[in-house]
PDBML (XML) file of the C-alpha atoms, coordinates in Angstrom:
<?xml version="1.0" encoding="UTF-8" ?>
<PDBx:datablock datablockName="MODEL"
   xmlns:PDBx="http://pdbml.pdb.org/schema/pdbx-v50.xsd"
   xmlns:xsi="http://www.w3.org/2001/XMLSchema-instance"
   xsi:schemaLocation="http://pdbml.pdb.org/schema/pdbx-v50.xsd pdbx-v50.xsd">
   <PDBx:atom_siteCategory>
      <PDBx:atom_site id="1">
         <PDBx:B_iso_or_equiv>0.00</PDBx:B_iso_or_equiv>
         <PDBx:Cartn_x>-28.498</PDBx:Cartn_x>
         <PDBx:Cartn_y>-67.975</PDBx:Cartn_y>
         <PDBx:Cartn_z>146.417</PDBx:Cartn_z>
         <PDBx:auth_asym_id>A</PDBx:auth_asym_id>
         <PDBx:auth_atom_id>CA</PDBx:auth_atom_id>
         <PDBx:auth_comp_id>ALA</PDBx:auth_comp_id>
         <PDBx:auth_seq_id>1</PDBx:auth_seq_id>
         <PDBx:group_PDB>ATOM</PDBx:group_PDB>
         <PDBx:label_alt_id xsi:nil="true" />
         <PDBx:label_asym_id>A</PDBx:label_asym_id>
         <PDBx:label_atom_id>CA</PDBx:label_atom_id>
         <PDBx:label_comp_id>ALA</PDBx:label_comp_id>
         <PDBx:label_entity_id>1</PDBx:label_entity_id>
         <PDBx:label_seq_id>1</PDBx:label_seq_id>
         <PDBx:occupancy>1.00</PDBx:occupancy>
         <PDBx:pdbx_PDB_model_num>1</PDBx:pdbx_PDB_model_num>
         <PDBx:type_symbol>C</PDBx:type_symbol>
      </PDBx:atom_site>
      <PDBx:atom_site id="2">
         <PDBx:B_iso_or_equiv>0.00</PDBx:B_iso_or_equiv>
         <PDBx:Cartn_x>-26.907</PDBx:Cartn_x>
         <PDBx:Cartn_y>-64.900</PDBx:Cartn_y>
         <PDBx:Cartn_z>147.979</PDBx:Cartn_z>
         <PDBx:auth_asym_id>A</PDBx:auth_asym_id>
         <PDBx:auth_atom_id>CA</PDBx:auth_atom_id>
         <PDBx:auth_comp_id>LYS</PDBx:auth_comp_id>
         <PDBx:auth_seq_id>2</PDBx:auth_seq_id>
         <PDBx:group_PDB>ATOM</PDBx:group_PDB>
         <PDBx:label_alt_id xsi:nil="true" />
         <PDBx:label_asym_id>A</PDBx:label_asym_id>
         <PDBx:label_atom_id>CA</PDBx:label_atom_id>
         <PDBx:label_comp_id>LYS</PDBx:label_comp_id>
         <PDBx:label_entity_id>1</PDBx:label_entity_id>
         <PDBx:label_seq_id>2</PDBx:label_seq_id>
         <PDBx:occupancy>1.00</PDBx:occupancy>
         <PDBx:pdbx_PDB_model_num>1</PDBx:pdbx_PDB_model_num>
         <PDBx:type_symbol>C</PDBx:type_symbol>
      </PDBx:atom_site>
      <PDBx:atom_site id="3">
         <PDBx:B_iso_or_equiv>0.00</PDBx:B_iso_or_equiv>
         <PDBx:Cartn_x>-29.673</PDBx:Cartn_x>
         <PDBx:Cartn_y>-64.235</PDBx:Cartn_y>
         <PDBx:Cartn_z>150.496</PDBx:Cartn_z>
         <PDBx:auth_asym_id>A</PDBx:auth_asym_id>
         <PDBx:auth_atom_id>CA</PDBx:auth_atom_id>
         <PDBx:auth_comp_id>ASN</PDBx:auth_comp_id>
         <PDBx:auth_seq_id>3</PDBx:auth_seq_id>
         <PDBx:group_PDB>ATOM</PDBx:group_PDB>
         <PDBx:label_alt_id xsi:nil="true" />
         <PDBx:label_asym_id>A</PDBx:label_asym_id>
         <PDBx:label_atom_id>CA</PDBx:label_atom_id>
         <PDBx:label_comp_id>ASN</PDBx:label_comp_id>
         <PDBx:label_entity_id>1</PDBx:label_entity_id>
         <PDBx:label_seq_id>3</PDBx:label_seq_id>
         <PDBx:occupancy>1.00</PDBx:occupancy>
         <PDBx:pdbx_PDB_model_num>1</PDBx:pdbx_PDB_model_num>
         <PDBx:type_symbol>C</PDBx:type_symbol>
      </PDBx:atom_site>
      <PDBx:atom_site id="4">
         <PDBx:B_iso_or_equiv>0.00</PDBx:B_iso_or_equiv>
         <PDBx:Cartn_x>-29.817</PDBx:Cartn_x>
         <PDBx:Cartn_y>-60.716</PDBx:Cartn_y>
         <PDBx:Cartn_z>149.079</PDBx:Cartn_z>
         <PDBx:auth_asym_id>A</PDBx:auth_asym_id>
         <PDBx:auth_atom_id>CA</PDBx:auth_atom_id>
         <PDBx:auth_comp_id>THR</PDBx:auth_comp_id>
         <PDBx:auth_seq_id>4</PDBx:auth_seq_id>
         <PDBx:group_PDB>ATOM</PDBx:group_PDB>
         <PDBx:label_alt_id xsi:nil="true" />
         <PDBx:label_asym_id>A</PDBx:label_asym_id>
         <PDBx:label_atom_id>CA</PDBx:label_atom_id>
         <PDBx:label_comp_id>THR</PDBx:label_comp_id>
         <PDBx:label_entity_id>1</PDBx:label_entity_id>
         <PDBx:label_seq_id>4</PDBx:label_seq_id>
         <PDBx:occupancy>1.00</PDBx:occupancy>
         <PDBx:pdbx_PDB_model_num>1</PDBx:pdbx_PDB_model_num>
         <PDBx:type_symbol>C</PDBx:type_symbol>
      </PDBx:atom_site>
      <PDBx:atom_site id="5">
         <PDBx:B_iso_or_equiv>0.00</PDBx:B_iso_or_equiv>
         <PDBx:Cartn_x>-32.372</PDBx:Cartn_x>
         <PDBx:Cartn_y>-58.290</PDBx:Cartn_y>
         <PDBx:Cartn_z>147.763</PDBx:Cartn_z>
         <PDBx:auth_asym_id>A</PDBx:auth_asym_id>
         <PDBx:auth_atom_id>CA</PDBx:auth_atom_id>
         <PDBx:auth_comp_id>ILE</PDBx:auth_comp_id>
         <PDBx:auth_seq_id>5</PDBx:auth_seq_id>
         <PDBx:group_PDB>ATOM</PDBx:group_PDB>
         <PDBx:label_alt_id xsi:nil="true" />
         <PDBx:label_asym_id>A</PDBx:label_asym_id>
         <PDBx:label_atom_id>CA</PDBx:label_atom_id>
         <PDBx:label_comp_id>ILE</PDBx:label_comp_id>
         <PDBx:label_entity_id>1</PDBx:label_entity_id>
         <PDBx:label_seq_id>5</PDBx:label_seq_id>
         <PDBx:occupancy>1.00</PDBx:occupancy>
         <PDBx:pdbx_PDB_model_num>1</PDBx:pdbx_PDB_model_num>
         <PDBx:type_symbol>C</PDBx:type_symbol>
      </PDBx:atom_site>
      <PDBx:atom_site id="6">
         <PDBx:B_iso_or_equiv>0.00</PDBx:B_iso_or_equiv>
         <PDBx:Cartn_x>-31.857</PDBx:Cartn_x>
         <PDBx:Cartn_y>-55.283</PDBx:Cartn_y>
         <PDBx:Cartn_z>145.696</PDBx:Cartn_z>
         <PDBx:auth_asym_id>A</PDBx:auth_asym_id>
         <PDBx:auth_atom_id>CA</PDBx:auth_atom_id>
         <PDBx:auth_comp_id>TYR</PDBx:auth_comp_id>
         <PDBx:auth_seq_id>6</PDBx:auth_seq_id>
         <PDBx:group_PDB>ATOM</PDBx:group_PDB>
         <PDBx:label_alt_id xsi:nil="true" />
         <PDBx:label_asym_id>A</PDBx:label_asym_id>
         <PDBx:label_atom_id>CA</PDBx:label_atom_id>
         <PDBx:label_comp_id>TYR</PDBx:label_comp_id>
         <PDBx:label_entity_id>1</PDBx:label_entity_id>
         <PDBx:label_seq_id>6</PDBx:label_seq_id>
         <PDBx:occupancy>1.00</PDBx:occupancy>
         <PDBx:pdbx_PDB_model_num>1</PDBx:pdbx_PDB_model_num>
         <PDBx:type_symbol>C</PDBx:type_symbol>
      </PDBx:atom_site>
      <PDBx:atom_site id="7">
         <PDBx:B_iso_or_equiv>0.00</PDBx:B_iso_or_equiv>
         <PDBx:Cartn_x>-33.491</PDBx:Cartn_x>
         <PDBx:Cartn_y>-51.973</PDBx:Cartn_y>
         <PDBx:Cartn_z>144.853</PDBx:Cartn_z>
         <PDBx:auth_asym_id>A</PDBx:auth_asym_id>
         <PDBx:auth_atom_id>CA</PDBx:auth_atom_id>
         <PDBx:auth_comp_id>LEU</PDBx:auth_comp_id>
         <PDBx:auth_seq_id>7</PDBx:auth_seq_id>
         <PDBx:group_PDB>ATOM</PDBx:group_PDB>
         <PDBx:label_alt_id xsi:nil="true" />
         <PDBx:label_asym_id>A</PDBx:label_asym_id>
         <PDBx:label_atom_id>CA</PDBx:label_atom_id>
         <PDBx:label_comp_id>LEU</PDBx:label_comp_id>
         <PDBx:label_entity_id>1</PDBx:label_entity_id>
         <PDBx:label_seq_id>7</PDBx:label_seq_id>
         <PDBx:occupancy>1.00</PDBx:occupancy>
         <PDBx:pdbx_PDB_model_num>1</PDBx:pdbx_PDB_model_num>
         <PDBx:type_symbol>C</PDBx:type_symbol>
      </PDBx:atom_site>
      <PDBx:atom_site id="8">
         <PDBx:B_iso_or_equiv>0.00</PDBx:B_iso_or_equiv>
         <PDBx:Cartn_x>-32.591</PDBx:Cartn_x>
         <PDBx:Cartn_y>-50.422</PDBx:Cartn_y>
         <PDBx:Cartn_z>141.488</PDBx:Cartn_z>
         <PDBx:auth_asym_id>A</PDBx:auth_asym_id>
         <PDBx:auth_atom_id>CA</PDBx:auth_atom_id>
         <PDBx:auth_comp_id>GLN</PDBx:auth_comp_id>
         <PDBx:auth_seq_id>8</PDBx:auth_seq_id>
         <PDBx:group_PDB>ATOM</PDBx:group_PDB>
         <PDBx:label_alt_id xsi:nil="true" />
         <PDBx:label_asym_id>A</PDBx:label_asym_id>
         <PDBx:label_atom_id>CA</PDBx:label_atom_id>
         <PDBx:label_comp_id>GLN</PDBx:label_comp_id>
         <PDBx:label_entity_id>1</PDBx:label_entity_id>
         <PDBx:label_seq_id>8</PDBx:label_seq_id>
         <PDBx:occupancy>1.00</PDBx:occupancy>
         <PDBx:pdbx_PDB_model_num>1</PDBx:pdbx_PDB_model_num>
         <PDBx:type_symbol>C</PDBx:type_symbol>
      </PDBx:atom_site>
      <PDBx:atom_site id="9">
         <PDBx:B_iso_or_equiv>0.00</PDBx:B_iso_or_equiv>
         <PDBx:Cartn_x>-33.505</PDBx:Cartn_x>
         <PDBx:Cartn_y>-46.823</PDBx:Cartn_y>
         <PDBx:Cartn_z>141.602</PDBx:Cartn_z>
         <PDBx:auth_asym_id>A</PDBx:auth_asym_id>
         <PDBx:auth_atom_id>CA</PDBx:auth_atom_id>
         <PDBx:auth_comp_id>MET</PDBx:auth_comp_id>
         <PDBx:auth_seq_id>9</PDBx:auth_seq_id>
         <PDBx:group_PDB>ATOM</PDBx:group_PDB>
         <PDBx:label_alt_id xsi:nil="true" />
         <PDBx:label_asym_id>A</PDBx:label_asym_id>
         <PDBx:label_atom_id>CA</PDBx:label_atom_id>
         <PDBx:label_comp_id>MET</PDBx:label_comp_id>
         <PDBx:label_entity_id>1</PDBx:label_entity_id>
         <PDBx:label_seq_id>9</PDBx:label_seq_id>
         <PDBx:occupancy>1.00</PDBx:occupancy>
         <PDBx:pdbx_PDB_model_num>1</PDBx:pdbx_PDB_model_num>
         <PDBx:type_symbol>C</PDBx:type_symbol>
      </PDBx:atom_site>
      <PDBx:atom_site id="10">
         <PDBx:B_iso_or_equiv>0.00</PDBx:B_iso_or_equiv>
         <PDBx:Cartn_x>-33.630</PDBx:Cartn_x>
         <PDBx:Cartn_y>-44.841</PDBx:Cartn_y>
         <PDBx:Cartn_z>138.315</PDBx:Cartn_z>
         <PDBx:auth_asym_id>A</PDBx:auth_asym_id>
         <PDBx:auth_atom_id>CA</PDBx:auth_atom_id>
         <PDBx:auth_comp_id>ASN</PDBx:auth_comp_id>
         <PDBx:auth_seq_id>10</PDBx:auth_seq_id>
         <PDBx:group_PDB>ATOM</PDBx:group_PDB>
         <PDBx:label_alt_id xsi:nil="true" />
         <PDBx:label_asym_id>A</PDBx:label_asym_id>
         <PDBx:label_atom_id>CA</PDBx:label_atom_id>
         <PDBx:label_comp_id>ASN</PDBx:label_comp_id>
         <PDBx:label_entity_id>1</PDBx:label_entity_id>
         <PDBx:label_seq_id>10</PDBx:label_seq_id>
         <PDBx:occupancy>1.00</PDBx:occupancy>
         <PDBx:pdbx_PDB_model_num>1</PDBx:pdbx_PDB_model_num>
         <PDBx:type_symbol>C</PDBx:type_symbol>
      </PDBx:atom_site>
      <PDBx:atom_site id="11">
         <PDBx:B_iso_or_equiv>0.00</PDBx:B_iso_or_equiv>
         <PDBx:Cartn_x>-34.709</PDBx:Cartn_x>
         <PDBx:Cartn_y>-41.445</PDBx:Cartn_y>
         <PDBx:Cartn_z>137.441</PDBx:Cartn_z>
         <PDBx:auth_asym_id>A</PDBx:auth_asym_id>
         <PDBx:auth_atom_id>CA</PDBx:auth_atom_id>
         <PDBx:auth_comp_id>SER</PDBx:auth_comp_id>
         <PDBx:auth_seq_id>11</PDBx:auth_seq_id>
         <PDBx:group_PDB>ATOM</PDBx:group_PDB>
         <PDBx:label_alt_id xsi:nil="true" />
         <PDBx:label_asym_id>A</PDBx:label_asym_id>
         <PDBx:label_atom_id>CA</PDBx:label_atom_id>
         <PDBx:label_comp_id>SER</PDBx:label_comp_id>
         <PDBx:label_entity_id>1</PDBx:label_entity_id>
         <PDBx:label_seq_id>11</PDBx:label_seq_id>
         <PDBx:occupancy>1.00</PDBx:occupancy>
         <PDBx:pdbx_PDB_model_num>1</PDBx:pdbx_PDB_model_num>
         <PDBx:type_symbol>C</PDBx:type_symbol>
      </PDBx:atom_site>
      <PDBx:atom_site id="12">
         <PDBx:B_iso_or_equiv>0.00</PDBx:B_iso_or_equiv>
         <PDBx:Cartn_x>-34.127</PDBx:Cartn_x>
         <PDBx:Cartn_y>-40.306</PDBx:Cartn_y>
         <PDBx:Cartn_z>141.000</PDBx:Cartn_z>
         <PDBx:auth_asym_id>A</PDBx:auth_asym_id>
         <PDBx:auth_atom_id>CA</PDBx:auth_atom_id>
         <PDBx:auth_comp_id>LEU</PDBx:auth_comp_id>
         <PDBx:auth_seq_id>12</PDBx:auth_seq_id>
         <PDBx:group_PDB>ATOM</PDBx:group_PDB>
         <PDBx:label_alt_id xsi:nil="true" />
         <PDBx:label_asym_id>A</PDBx:label_asym_id>
         <PDBx:label_atom_id>CA</PDBx:label_atom_id>
         <PDBx:label_comp_id>LEU</PDBx:label_comp_id>
         <PDBx:label_entity_id>1</PDBx:label_entity_id>
         <PDBx:label_seq_id>12</PDBx:label_seq_id>
         <PDBx:occupancy>1.00</PDBx:occupancy>
         <PDBx:pdbx_PDB_model_num>1</PDBx:pdbx_PDB_model_num>
         <PDBx:type_symbol>C</PDBx:type_symbol>
      </PDBx:atom_site>
      <PDBx:atom_site id="13">
         <PDBx:B_iso_or_equiv>0.00</PDBx:B_iso_or_equiv>
         <PDBx:Cartn_x>-35.854</PDBx:Cartn_x>
         <PDBx:Cartn_y>-37.214</PDBx:Cartn_y>
         <PDBx:Cartn_z>142.229</PDBx:Cartn_z>
         <PDBx:auth_asym_id>A</PDBx:auth_asym_id>
         <PDBx:auth_atom_id>CA</PDBx:auth_atom_id>
         <PDBx:auth_comp_id>LYS</PDBx:auth_comp_id>
         <PDBx:auth_seq_id>13</PDBx:auth_seq_id>
         <PDBx:group_PDB>ATOM</PDBx:group_PDB>
         <PDBx:label_alt_id xsi:nil="true" />
         <PDBx:label_asym_id>A</PDBx:label_asym_id>
         <PDBx:label_atom_id>CA</PDBx:label_atom_id>
         <PDBx:label_comp_id>LYS</PDBx:label_comp_id>
         <PDBx:label_entity_id>1</PDBx:label_entity_id>
         <PDBx:label_seq_id>13</PDBx:label_seq_id>
         <PDBx:occupancy>1.00</PDBx:occupancy>
         <PDBx:pdbx_PDB_model_num>1</PDBx:pdbx_PDB_model_num>
         <PDBx:type_symbol>C</PDBx:type_symbol>
      </PDBx:atom_site>
      <PDBx:atom_site id="14">
         <PDBx:B_iso_or_equiv>0.00</PDBx:B_iso_or_equiv>
         <PDBx:Cartn_x>-35.068</PDBx:Cartn_x>
         <PDBx:Cartn_y>-35.007</PDBx:Cartn_y>
         <PDBx:Cartn_z>145.171</PDBx:Cartn_z>
         <PDBx:auth_asym_id>A</PDBx:auth_asym_id>
         <PDBx:auth_atom_id>CA</PDBx:auth_atom_id>
         <PDBx:auth_comp_id>PRO</PDBx:auth_comp_id>
         <PDBx:auth_seq_id>14</PDBx:auth_seq_id>
         <PDBx:group_PDB>ATOM</PDBx:group_PDB>
         <PDBx:label_alt_id xsi:nil="true" />
         <PDBx:label_asym_id>A</PDBx:label_asym_id>
         <PDBx:label_atom_id>CA</PDBx:label_atom_id>
         <PDBx:label_comp_id>PRO</PDBx:label_comp_id>
         <PDBx:label_entity_id>1</PDBx:label_entity_id>
         <PDBx:label_seq_id>14</PDBx:label_seq_id>
         <PDBx:occupancy>1.00</PDBx:occupancy>
         <PDBx:pdbx_PDB_model_num>1</PDBx:pdbx_PDB_model_num>
         <PDBx:type_symbol>C</PDBx:type_symbol>
      </PDBx:atom_site>
      <PDBx:atom_site id="15">
         <PDBx:B_iso_or_equiv>0.00</PDBx:B_iso_or_equiv>
         <PDBx:Cartn_x>-38.057</PDBx:Cartn_x>
         <PDBx:Cartn_y>-36.300</PDBx:Cartn_y>
         <PDBx:Cartn_z>147.053</PDBx:Cartn_z>
         <PDBx:auth_asym_id>A</PDBx:auth_asym_id>
         <PDBx:auth_atom_id>CA</PDBx:auth_atom_id>
         <PDBx:auth_comp_id>GLU</PDBx:auth_comp_id>
         <PDBx:auth_seq_id>15</PDBx:auth_seq_id>
         <PDBx:group_PDB>ATOM</PDBx:group_PDB>
         <PDBx:label_alt_id xsi:nil="true" />
         <PDBx:label_asym_id>A</PDBx:label_asym_id>
         <PDBx:label_atom_id>CA</PDBx:label_atom_id>
         <PDBx:label_comp_id>GLU</PDBx:label_comp_id>
         <PDBx:label_entity_id>1</PDBx:label_entity_id>
         <PDBx:label_seq_id>15</PDBx:label_seq_id>
         <PDBx:occupancy>1.00</PDBx:occupancy>
         <PDBx:pdbx_PDB_model_num>1</PDBx:pdbx_PDB_model_num>
         <PDBx:type_symbol>C</PDBx:type_symbol>
      </PDBx:atom_site>
      <PDBx:atom_site id="16">
         <PDBx:B_iso_or_equiv>0.00</PDBx:B_iso_or_equiv>
         <PDBx:Cartn_x>-36.413</PDBx:Cartn_x>
         <PDBx:Cartn_y>-39.724</PDBx:Cartn_y>
         <PDBx:Cartn_z>147.000</PDBx:Cartn_z>
         <PDBx:auth_asym_id>A</PDBx:auth_asym_id>
         <PDBx:auth_atom_id>CA</PDBx:auth_atom_id>
         <PDBx:auth_comp_id>ASP</PDBx:auth_comp_id>
         <PDBx:auth_seq_id>16</PDBx:auth_seq_id>
         <PDBx:group_PDB>ATOM</PDBx:group_PDB>
         <PDBx:label_alt_id xsi:nil="true" />
         <PDBx:label_asym_id>A</PDBx:label_asym_id>
         <PDBx:label_atom_id>CA</PDBx:label_atom_id>
         <PDBx:label_comp_id>ASP</PDBx:label_comp_id>
         <PDBx:label_entity_id>1</PDBx:label_entity_id>
         <PDBx:label_seq_id>16</PDBx:label_seq_id>
         <PDBx:occupancy>1.00</PDBx:occupancy>
         <PDBx:pdbx_PDB_model_num>1</PDBx:pdbx_PDB_model_num>
         <PDBx:type_symbol>C</PDBx:type_symbol>
      </PDBx:atom_site>
      <PDBx:atom_site id="17">
         <PDBx:B_iso_or_equiv>0.00</PDBx:B_iso_or_equiv>
         <PDBx:Cartn_x>-34.001</PDBx:Cartn_x>
         <PDBx:Cartn_y>-38.390</PDBx:Cartn_y>
         <PDBx:Cartn_z>149.575</PDBx:Cartn_z>
         <PDBx:auth_asym_id>A</PDBx:auth_asym_id>
         <PDBx:auth_atom_id>CA</PDBx:auth_atom_id>
         <PDBx:auth_comp_id>THR</PDBx:auth_comp_id>
         <PDBx:auth_seq_id>17</PDBx:auth_seq_id>
         <PDBx:group_PDB>ATOM</PDBx:group_PDB>
         <PDBx:label_alt_id xsi:nil="true" />
         <PDBx:label_asym_id>A</PDBx:label_asym_id>
         <PDBx:label_atom_id>CA</PDBx:label_atom_id>
         <PDBx:label_comp_id>THR</PDBx:label_comp_id>
         <PDBx:label_entity_id>1</PDBx:label_entity_id>
         <PDBx:label_seq_id>17</PDBx:label_seq_id>
         <PDBx:occupancy>1.00</PDBx:occupancy>
         <PDBx:pdbx_PDB_model_num>1</PDBx:pdbx_PDB_model_num>
         <PDBx:type_symbol>C</PDBx:type_symbol>
      </PDBx:atom_site>
      <PDBx:atom_site id="18">
         <PDBx:B_iso_or_equiv>0.00</PDBx:B_iso_or_equiv>
         <PDBx:Cartn_x>-34.221</PDBx:Cartn_x>
         <PDBx:Cartn_y>-40.588</PDBx:Cartn_y>
         <PDBx:Cartn_z>152.627</PDBx:Cartn_z>
         <PDBx:auth_asym_id>A</PDBx:auth_asym_id>
         <PDBx:auth_atom_id>CA</PDBx:auth_atom_id>
         <PDBx:auth_comp_id>ALA</PDBx:auth_comp_id>
         <PDBx:auth_seq_id>18</PDBx:auth_seq_id>
         <PDBx:group_PDB>ATOM</PDBx:group_PDB>
         <PDBx:label_alt_id xsi:nil="true" />
         <PDBx:label_asym_id>A</PDBx:label_asym_id>
         <PDBx:label_atom_id>CA</PDBx:label_atom_id>
         <PDBx:label_comp_id>ALA</PDBx:label_comp_id>
         <PDBx:label_entity_id>1</PDBx:label_entity_id>
         <PDBx:label_seq_id>18</PDBx:label_seq_id>
         <PDBx:occupancy>1.00</PDBx:occupancy>
         <PDBx:pdbx_PDB_model_num>1</PDBx:pdbx_PDB_model_num>
         <PDBx:type_symbol>C</PDBx:type_symbol>
      </PDBx:atom_site>
      <PDBx:atom_site id="19">
         <PDBx:B_iso_or_equiv>0.00</PDBx:B_iso_or_equiv>
         <PDBx:Cartn_x>-32.648</PDBx:Cartn_x>
         <PDBx:Cartn_y>-43.255</PDBx:Cartn_y>
         <PDBx:Cartn_z>154.662</PDBx:Cartn_z>
         <PDBx:auth_asym_id>A</PDBx:auth_asym_id>
         <PDBx:auth_atom_id>CA</PDBx:auth_atom_id>
         <PDBx:auth_comp_id>VAL</PDBx:auth_comp_id>
         <PDBx:auth_seq_id>19</PDBx:auth_seq_id>
         <PDBx:group_PDB>ATOM</PDBx:group_PDB>
         <PDBx:label_alt_id xsi:nil="true" />
         <PDBx:label_asym_id>A</PDBx:label_asym_id>
         <PDBx:label_atom_id>CA</PDBx:label_atom_id>
         <PDBx:label_comp_id>VAL</PDBx:label_comp_id>
         <PDBx:label_entity_id>1</PDBx:label_entity_id>
         <PDBx:label_seq_id>19</PDBx:label_seq_id>
         <PDBx:occupancy>1.00</PDBx:occupancy>
         <PDBx:pdbx_PDB_model_num>1</PDBx:pdbx_PDB_model_num>
         <PDBx:type_symbol>C</PDBx:type_symbol>
      </PDBx:atom_site>
      <PDBx:atom_site id="20">
         <PDBx:B_iso_or_equiv>0.00</PDBx:B_iso_or_equiv>
         <PDBx:Cartn_x>-33.529</PDBx:Cartn_x>
         <PDBx:Cartn_y>-46.534</PDBx:Cartn_y>
         <PDBx:Cartn_z>153.036</PDBx:Cartn_z>
         <PDBx:auth_asym_id>A</PDBx:auth_asym_id>
         <PDBx:auth_atom_id>CA</PDBx:auth_atom_id>
         <PDBx:auth_comp_id>TYR</PDBx:auth_comp_id>
         <PDBx:auth_seq_id>20</PDBx:auth_seq_id>
         <PDBx:group_PDB>ATOM</PDBx:group_PDB>
         <PDBx:label_alt_id xsi:nil="true" />
         <PDBx:label_asym_id>A</PDBx:label_asym_id>
         <PDBx:label_atom_id>CA</PDBx:label_atom_id>
         <PDBx:label_comp_id>TYR</PDBx:label_comp_id>
         <PDBx:label_entity_id>1</PDBx:label_entity_id>
         <PDBx:label_seq_id>20</PDBx:label_seq_id>
         <PDBx:occupancy>1.00</PDBx:occupancy>
         <PDBx:pdbx_PDB_model_num>1</PDBx:pdbx_PDB_model_num>
         <PDBx:type_symbol>C</PDBx:type_symbol>
      </PDBx:atom_site>
      <PDBx:atom_site id="21">
         <PDBx:B_iso_or_equiv>0.00</PDBx:B_iso_or_equiv>
         <PDBx:Cartn_x>-34.132</PDBx:Cartn_x>
         <PDBx:Cartn_y>-49.536</PDBx:Cartn_y>
         <PDBx:Cartn_z>155.305</PDBx:Cartn_z>
         <PDBx:auth_asym_id>A</PDBx:auth_asym_id>
         <PDBx:auth_atom_id>CA</PDBx:auth_atom_id>
         <PDBx:auth_comp_id>TYR</PDBx:auth_comp_id>
         <PDBx:auth_seq_id>21</PDBx:auth_seq_id>
         <PDBx:group_PDB>ATOM</PDBx:group_PDB>
         <PDBx:label_alt_id xsi:nil="true" />
         <PDBx:label_asym_id>A</PDBx:label_asym_id>
         <PDBx:label_atom_id>CA</PDBx:label_atom_id>
         <PDBx:label_comp_id>TYR</PDBx:label_comp_id>
         <PDBx:label_entity_id>1</PDBx:label_entity_id>
         <PDBx:label_seq_id>21</PDBx:label_seq_id>
         <PDBx:occupancy>1.00</PDBx:occupancy>
         <PDBx:pdbx_PDB_model_num>1</PDBx:pdbx_PDB_model_num>
         <PDBx:type_symbol>C</PDBx:type_symbol>
      </PDBx:atom_site>
      <PDBx:atom_site id="22">
         <PDBx:B_iso_or_equiv>0.00</PDBx:B_iso_or_equiv>
         <PDBx:Cartn_x>-34.346</PDBx:Cartn_x>
         <PDBx:Cartn_y>-53.303</PDBx:Cartn_y>
         <PDBx:Cartn_z>154.590</PDBx:Cartn_z>
         <PDBx:auth_asym_id>A</PDBx:auth_asym_id>
         <PDBx:auth_atom_id>CA</PDBx:auth_atom_id>
         <PDBx:auth_comp_id>CYS</PDBx:auth_comp_id>
         <PDBx:auth_seq_id>22</PDBx:auth_seq_id>
         <PDBx:group_PDB>ATOM</PDBx:group_PDB>
         <PDBx:label_alt_id xsi:nil="true" />
         <PDBx:label_asym_id>A</PDBx:label_asym_id>
         <PDBx:label_atom_id>CA</PDBx:label_atom_id>
         <PDBx:label_comp_id>CYS</PDBx:label_comp_id>
         <PDBx:label_entity_id>1</PDBx:label_entity_id>
         <PDBx:label_seq_id>22</PDBx:label_seq_id>
         <PDBx:occupancy>1.00</PDBx:occupancy>
         <PDBx:pdbx_PDB_model_num>1</PDBx:pdbx_PDB_model_num>
         <PDBx:type_symbol>C</PDBx:type_symbol>
      </PDBx:atom_site>
      <PDBx:atom_site id="23">
         <PDBx:B_iso_or_equiv>0.00</PDBx:B_iso_or_equiv>
         <PDBx:Cartn_x>-37.015</PDBx:Cartn_x>
         <PDBx:Cartn_y>-55.114</PDBx:Cartn_y>
         <PDBx:Cartn_z>156.462</PDBx:Cartn_z>
         <PDBx:auth_asym_id>A</PDBx:auth_asym_id>
         <PDBx:auth_atom_id>CA</PDBx:auth_atom_id>
         <PDBx:auth_comp_id>ASN</PDBx:auth_comp_id>
         <PDBx:auth_seq_id>23</PDBx:auth_seq_id>
         <PDBx:group_PDB>ATOM</PDBx:group_PDB>
         <PDBx:label_alt_id xsi:nil="true" />
         <PDBx:label_asym_id>A</PDBx:label_asym_id>
         <PDBx:label_atom_id>CA</PDBx:label_atom_id>
         <PDBx:label_comp_id>ASN</PDBx:label_comp_id>
         <PDBx:label_entity_id>1</PDBx:label_entity_id>
         <PDBx:label_seq_id>23</PDBx:label_seq_id>
         <PDBx:occupancy>1.00</PDBx:occupancy>
         <PDBx:pdbx_PDB_model_num>1</PDBx:pdbx_PDB_model_num>
         <PDBx:type_symbol>C</PDBx:type_symbol>
      </PDBx:atom_site>
      <PDBx:atom_site id="24">
         <PDBx:B_iso_or_equiv>0.00</PDBx:B_iso_or_equiv>
         <PDBx:Cartn_x>-38.153</PDBx:Cartn_x>
         <PDBx:Cartn_y>-58.633</PDBx:Cartn_y>
         <PDBx:Cartn_z>157.281</PDBx:Cartn_z>
         <PDBx:auth_asym_id>A</PDBx:auth_asym_id>
         <PDBx:auth_atom_id>CA</PDBx:auth_atom_id>
         <PDBx:auth_comp_id>VAL</PDBx:auth_comp_id>
         <PDBx:auth_seq_id>24</PDBx:auth_seq_id>
         <PDBx:group_PDB>ATOM</PDBx:group_PDB>
         <PDBx:label_alt_id xsi:nil="true" />
         <PDBx:label_asym_id>A</PDBx:label_asym_id>
         <PDBx:label_atom_id>CA</PDBx:label_atom_id>
         <PDBx:label_comp_id>VAL</PDBx:label_comp_id>
         <PDBx:label_entity_id>1</PDBx:label_entity_id>
         <PDBx:label_seq_id>24</PDBx:label_seq_id>
         <PDBx:occupancy>1.00</PDBx:occupancy>
         <PDBx:pdbx_PDB_model_num>1</PDBx:pdbx_PDB_model_num>
         <PDBx:type_symbol>C</PDBx:type_symbol>
      </PDBx:atom_site>
   </PDBx:atom_siteCategory>
</PDBx:datablock>
């Protein structure tokens, strides 16, 4: 309905550090 996706990120680690991109 909102034309939106989400990414819930828990228990984050230093190796998760990055630029996050949405892609179609």
